[in-house]
Amino acid sequence: MDLEQLMDKLGRSGVTVILKVDDERMAEGGEPWTLVMSGPGLGEQGFIRAESSNLSDCLEQGFARLRARPGDWEWLTDF
């Protein structure tokens, strides 16, 4: 599954996704990648936020948190 398919499927599942890389945090050697998910697909538990020094870890953290929520999120292991 490519990134566009992933975002499309998340959106159709009621999840709003924001992915950000911050140049200032990158220059400081921090964790420049941030993933935020919200929306009705997440249920009453609110939003998910993950931060990391690289994109792969950031996505995996966020998707692991989403898979732990109620709902059919097992397909996220395909990404």
C-alpha atoms as a PDB file:
ATOM      1  CA  MET A   1       0.000   0.000   0.000  1.00  0.00           C
ATOM      2  CA  ASP A   2       1.402   3.388  -0.906  1.00  0.00           C
ATOM      3  CA  LEU A   3       1.023   6.595   1.065  1.00  0.00           C
ATOM      4  CA  GLU A   4      -1.858   7.939  -1.030  1.00  0.00           C
ATOM      5  CA  GLN A   5      -3.842   4.700  -0.629  1.00  0.00           C
ATOM      6  CA  LEU A   6      -3.130   4.711   3.098  1.00  0.00           C
ATOM      7  CA  MET A   7      -4.342   8.285   3.580  1.00  0.00           C
ATOM      8  CA  ASP A   8      -7.398   7.629   1.425  1.00  0.00           C
ATOM      9  CA  LYS A   9      -8.359   4.555   3.457  1.00  0.00           C
ATOM     10  CA  LEU A  10      -7.833   6.389   6.757  1.00  0.00           C
ATOM     11  CA  GLY A  11      -9.976   9.283   5.541  1.00  0.00           C
ATOM     12  CA  ARG A  12     -12.755   6.926   4.443  1.00  0.00           C
ATOM     13  CA  SER A  13     -12.535   5.330   7.910  1.00  0.00           C
ATOM     14  CA  GLY A  14     -13.306   8.676   9.586  1.00  0.00           C
ATOM     15  CA  VAL A  15      -9.743   9.604  10.519  1.00  0.00           C
ATOM     16  CA  THR A  16      -8.210  13.013   9.816  1.00  0.00           C
ATOM     17  CA  VAL A  17      -4.416  12.788   9.499  1.00  0.00           C
ATOM     18  CA  ILE A  18      -1.822  15.531   9.768  1.00  0.00           C
ATOM     19  CA  LEU A  19       1.815  14.657   9.116  1.00  0.00           C
ATOM     20  CA  LYS A  20       4.428  17.326   9.779  1.00  0.00           C
ATOM     21  CA  VAL A  21       8.190  17.697   9.608  1.00  0.00           C
ATOM     22  CA  ASP A  22       9.603  20.670  11.511  1.00  0.00           C
ATOM     23  CA  ASP A  23      12.817  22.171  10.157  1.00  0.00           C
ATOM     24  CA  GLU A  24      13.645  23.942  13.433  1.00  0.00           C
ATOM     25  CA  ARG A  25      13.369  20.747  15.463  1.00  0.00           C
ATOM     26  CA  MET A  26      15.399  18.968  12.785  1.00  0.00           C
ATOM     27  CA  ALA A  27      18.180  21.550  13.039  1.00  0.00           C
ATOM     28  CA  GLU A  28      18.222  21.169  16.823  1.00  0.00           C
ATOM     29  CA  GLY A  29      18.580  17.382  16.546  1.00  0.00           C
ATOM     30  CA  GLY A  30      15.156  16.815  18.049  1.00  0.00           C
ATOM     31  CA  GLU A  31      12.162  14.831  16.887  1.00  0.00           C
ATOM     32  CA  PRO A  32      11.040  16.669  13.761  1.00  0.00           C
ATOM     33  CA  TRP A  33       8.315  14.228  12.650  1.00  0.00           C
ATOM     34  CA  THR A  34       4.825  14.581  14.115  1.00  0.00           C
ATOM     35  CA  LEU A  35       1.738  12.548  13.245  1.00  0.00           C
ATOM     36  CA  VAL A  36      -1.663  13.639  14.564  1.00  0.00           C
ATOM     37  CA  MET A  37      -4.873  11.698  13.958  1.00  0.00           C
ATOM     38  CA  SER A  38      -8.367  12.772  14.988  1.00  0.00           C
ATOM     39  CA  GLY A  39     -11.955  12.388  13.910  1.00  0.00           C
ATOM     40  CA  PRO A  40     -14.985  10.203  14.476  1.00  0.00           C
ATOM     41  CA  GLY A  41     -13.118   7.059  13.396  1.00  0.00           C
ATOM     42  CA  LEU A  42     -11.138   7.211  16.625  1.00  0.00           C
ATOM     43  CA  GLY A  43     -14.214   7.019  18.821  1.00  0.00           C
ATOM     44  CA  GLU A  44     -14.561   8.813  22.123  1.00  0.00           C
ATOM     45  CA  GLN A  45     -10.908   8.379  23.068  1.00  0.00           C
ATOM     46  CA  GLY A  46      -9.923  11.564  21.246  1.00  0.00           C
ATOM     47  CA  PHE A  47      -6.855  12.083  19.149  1.00  0.00           C
ATOM     48  CA  ILE A  48      -3.560  10.255  18.630  1.00  0.00           C
ATOM     49  CA  ARG A  49      -0.208  12.035  18.523  1.00  0.00           C
ATOM     50  CA  ALA A  50       3.187  10.504  17.789  1.00  0.00           C
ATOM     51  CA  GLU A  51       6.606  12.153  17.477  1.00  0.00           C
ATOM     52  CA  SER A  52       9.926  10.707  16.361  1.00  0.00           C
ATOM     53  CA  SER A  53      13.287  11.477  14.855  1.00  0.00           C
ATOM     54  CA  ASN A  54      12.394   9.581  11.655  1.00  0.00           C
ATOM     55  CA  LEU A  55       9.281   9.129   9.562  1.00  0.00           C
ATOM     56  CA  SER A  56       9.071   5.323   9.775  1.00  0.00           C
ATOM     57  CA  ASP A  57       9.119   5.287  13.574  1.00  0.00           C
ATOM     58  CA  CYS A  58       6.611   8.122  13.763  1.00  0.00           C
ATOM     59  CA  LEU A  59       4.141   6.310  11.513  1.00  0.00           C
ATOM     60  CA  GLU A  60       4.628   3.003  13.316  1.00  0.00           C
ATOM     61  CA  GLN A  61       4.027   4.616  16.725  1.00  0.00           C
ATOM     62  CA  GLY A  62       0.854   6.299  15.505  1.00  0.00           C
ATOM     63  CA  PHE A  63      -0.494   3.215  13.744  1.00  0.00           C
ATOM     64  CA  ALA A  64       0.290   0.992  16.744  1.00  0.00           C
ATOM     65  CA  ARG A  65      -1.811   3.329  18.898  1.00  0.00           C
ATOM     66  CA  LEU A  66      -4.598   3.268  16.322  1.00  0.00           C
ATOM     67  CA  ARG A  67      -4.512  -0.556  16.100  1.00  0.00           C
ATOM     68  CA  ALA A  68      -4.928  -0.654  19.905  1.00  0.00           C
ATOM     69  CA  ARG A  69      -8.236   1.214  19.612  1.00  0.00           C
ATOM     70  CA  PRO A  70     -11.595  -0.442  19.018  1.00  0.00           C
ATOM     71  CA  GLY A  71     -12.394  -0.977  15.367  1.00  0.00           C
ATOM     72  CA  ASP A  72     -11.049  -2.745  12.307  1.00  0.00           C
ATOM     73  CA  TRP A  73      -7.476  -1.432  12.130  1.00  0.00           C
ATOM     74  CA  GLU A  74      -5.613  -4.687  11.450  1.00  0.00           C
ATOM     75  CA  TRP A  75      -5.157  -3.652   7.805  1.00  0.00           C
ATOM     76  CA  LEU A  76      -2.640  -1.053   9.012  1.00  0.00           C
ATOM     77  CA  THR A  77      -0.065  -3.843   9.307  1.00  0.00           C
ATOM     78  CA  ASP A  78       0.033  -3.813   5.472  1.00  0.00           C
ATOM     79  CA  PHE A  79       1.756  -0.430   5.498  1.00  0.00           C
END
